[in-house]
Amino acid sequence: QGIKNLSVEDAARLAHEDPDYGLRDLFNAIATGNYPSWTFYIQVMTFNQAETFPFNPFDITKV
């Protein structure tokens, strides 16, 4: 699929002129069989690993 981005200028213009652009683009892509996809990764630790970790693994400032 590749990555397709709008320029900052185009995104600002579309947000003002056509706020449904992204939704319509997604709908049309799905309608033509071009389904979106994502790659998703997670890391898992046991409760014991979390308890003995050197910092709070849920502290978003440490991510």
C-alpha atoms as a PDB file:
ATOM      1  CA  GLN A   1       0.000   0.000   0.000  1.00  0.00           C
ATOM      2  CA  GLY A   2       2.733   2.455   0.818  1.00  0.00           C
ATOM      3  CA  ILE A   3       2.408   5.600   2.846  1.00  0.00           C
ATOM      4  CA  LYS A   4       0.579   8.581   1.414  1.00  0.00           C
ATOM      5  CA  ASN A   5       0.541  11.855   3.309  1.00  0.00           C
ATOM      6  CA  LEU A   6      -0.894  15.287   2.685  1.00  0.00           C
ATOM      7  CA  SER A   7       1.326  18.315   2.947  1.00  0.00           C
ATOM      8  CA  VAL A   8       0.693  20.566   5.940  1.00  0.00           C
ATOM      9  CA  GLU A   9      -0.800  23.167   3.613  1.00  0.00           C
ATOM     10  CA  ASP A  10      -3.144  20.695   1.909  1.00  0.00           C
ATOM     11  CA  ALA A  11      -4.242  19.234   5.244  1.00  0.00           C
ATOM     12  CA  ALA A  12      -5.036  22.694   6.625  1.00  0.00           C
ATOM     13  CA  ARG A  13      -6.939  23.643   3.472  1.00  0.00           C
ATOM     14  CA  LEU A  14      -8.936  20.407   3.436  1.00  0.00           C
ATOM     15  CA  ALA A  15      -9.738  20.695   7.146  1.00  0.00           C
ATOM     16  CA  HIS A  16     -11.387  24.014   6.359  1.00  0.00           C
ATOM     17  CA  GLU A  17     -12.895  23.326   2.927  1.00  0.00           C
ATOM     18  CA  ASP A  18     -13.777  19.624   3.139  1.00  0.00           C
ATOM     19  CA  PRO A  19     -13.710  18.247   6.699  1.00  0.00           C
ATOM     20  CA  ASP A  20     -15.061  14.870   5.493  1.00  0.00           C
ATOM     21  CA  TYR A  21     -12.201  14.331   3.020  1.00  0.00           C
ATOM     22  CA  GLY A  22     -10.464  11.645   5.088  1.00  0.00           C
ATOM     23  CA  LEU A  23     -13.650   9.737   5.825  1.00  0.00           C
ATOM     24  CA  ARG A  24     -14.725   9.821   2.177  1.00  0.00           C
ATOM     25  CA  ASP A  25     -11.247   8.772   1.017  1.00  0.00           C
ATOM     26  CA  LEU A  26     -11.322   5.779   3.378  1.00  0.00           C
ATOM     27  CA  PHE A  27     -14.869   4.850   2.307  1.00  0.00           C
ATOM     28  CA  ASN A  28     -13.980   5.054  -1.398  1.00  0.00           C
ATOM     29  CA  ALA A  29     -10.787   3.042  -0.911  1.00  0.00           C
ATOM     30  CA  ILE A  30     -12.698   0.259   0.853  1.00  0.00           C
ATOM     31  CA  ALA A  31     -15.452   0.356  -1.786  1.00  0.00           C
ATOM     32  CA  THR A  32     -12.854  -0.278  -4.515  1.00  0.00           C
ATOM     33  CA  GLY A  33     -11.250  -3.148  -2.584  1.00  0.00           C
ATOM     34  CA  ASN A  34      -8.229  -1.182  -1.367  1.00  0.00           C
ATOM     35  CA  TYR A  35      -8.522  -2.156   2.291  1.00  0.00           C
ATOM     36  CA  PRO A  36      -6.407  -0.372   4.894  1.00  0.00           C
ATOM     37  CA  SER A  37      -3.952  -2.405   6.919  1.00  0.00           C
ATOM     38  CA  TRP A  38      -1.762  -1.838   9.934  1.00  0.00           C
ATOM     39  CA  THR A  39       1.193  -3.606  11.464  1.00  0.00           C
ATOM     40  CA  PHE A  40       0.820  -3.929  15.202  1.00  0.00           C
ATOM     41  CA  TYR A  41       3.431  -4.966  17.768  1.00  0.00           C
ATOM     42  CA  ILE A  42       3.200  -5.319  21.529  1.00  0.00           C
ATOM     43  CA  GLN A  43       5.628  -6.167  24.281  1.00  0.00           C
ATOM     44  CA  VAL A  44       4.384  -8.264  27.164  1.00  0.00           C
ATOM     45  CA  MET A  45       5.845  -8.653  30.622  1.00  0.00           C
ATOM     46  CA  THR A  46       4.761 -10.798  33.523  1.00  0.00           C
ATOM     47  CA  PHE A  47       3.403  -9.268  36.715  1.00  0.00           C
ATOM     48  CA  ASN A  48       6.660 -10.204  38.466  1.00  0.00           C
ATOM     49  CA  GLN A  49       8.729  -8.459  35.784  1.00  0.00           C
ATOM     50  CA  ALA A  50       6.595  -5.337  36.185  1.00  0.00           C
ATOM     51  CA  GLU A  51       7.008  -5.413  39.971  1.00  0.00           C
ATOM     52  CA  THR A  52      10.816  -5.619  39.735  1.00  0.00           C
ATOM     53  CA  PHE A  53      11.280  -3.255  36.781  1.00  0.00           C
ATOM     54  CA  PRO A  54      13.657  -0.336  37.559  1.00  0.00           C
ATOM     55  CA  PHE A  55      10.911   2.221  36.796  1.00  0.00           C
ATOM     56  CA  ASN A  56       7.136   2.268  36.422  1.00  0.00           C
ATOM     57  CA  PRO A  57       6.464   0.674  33.007  1.00  0.00           C
ATOM     58  CA  PHE A  58       3.210   2.647  32.807  1.00  0.00           C
ATOM     59  CA  ASP A  59       4.999   6.007  33.119  1.00  0.00           C
ATOM     60  CA  ILE A  60       4.501   7.532  29.658  1.00  0.00           C
ATOM     61  CA  THR A  61       7.459   9.870  30.189  1.00  0.00           C
ATOM     62  CA  LYS A  62       9.725   6.800  30.070  1.00  0.00           C
ATOM     63  CA  VAL A  63       8.432   5.455  26.752  1.00  0.00           C
END
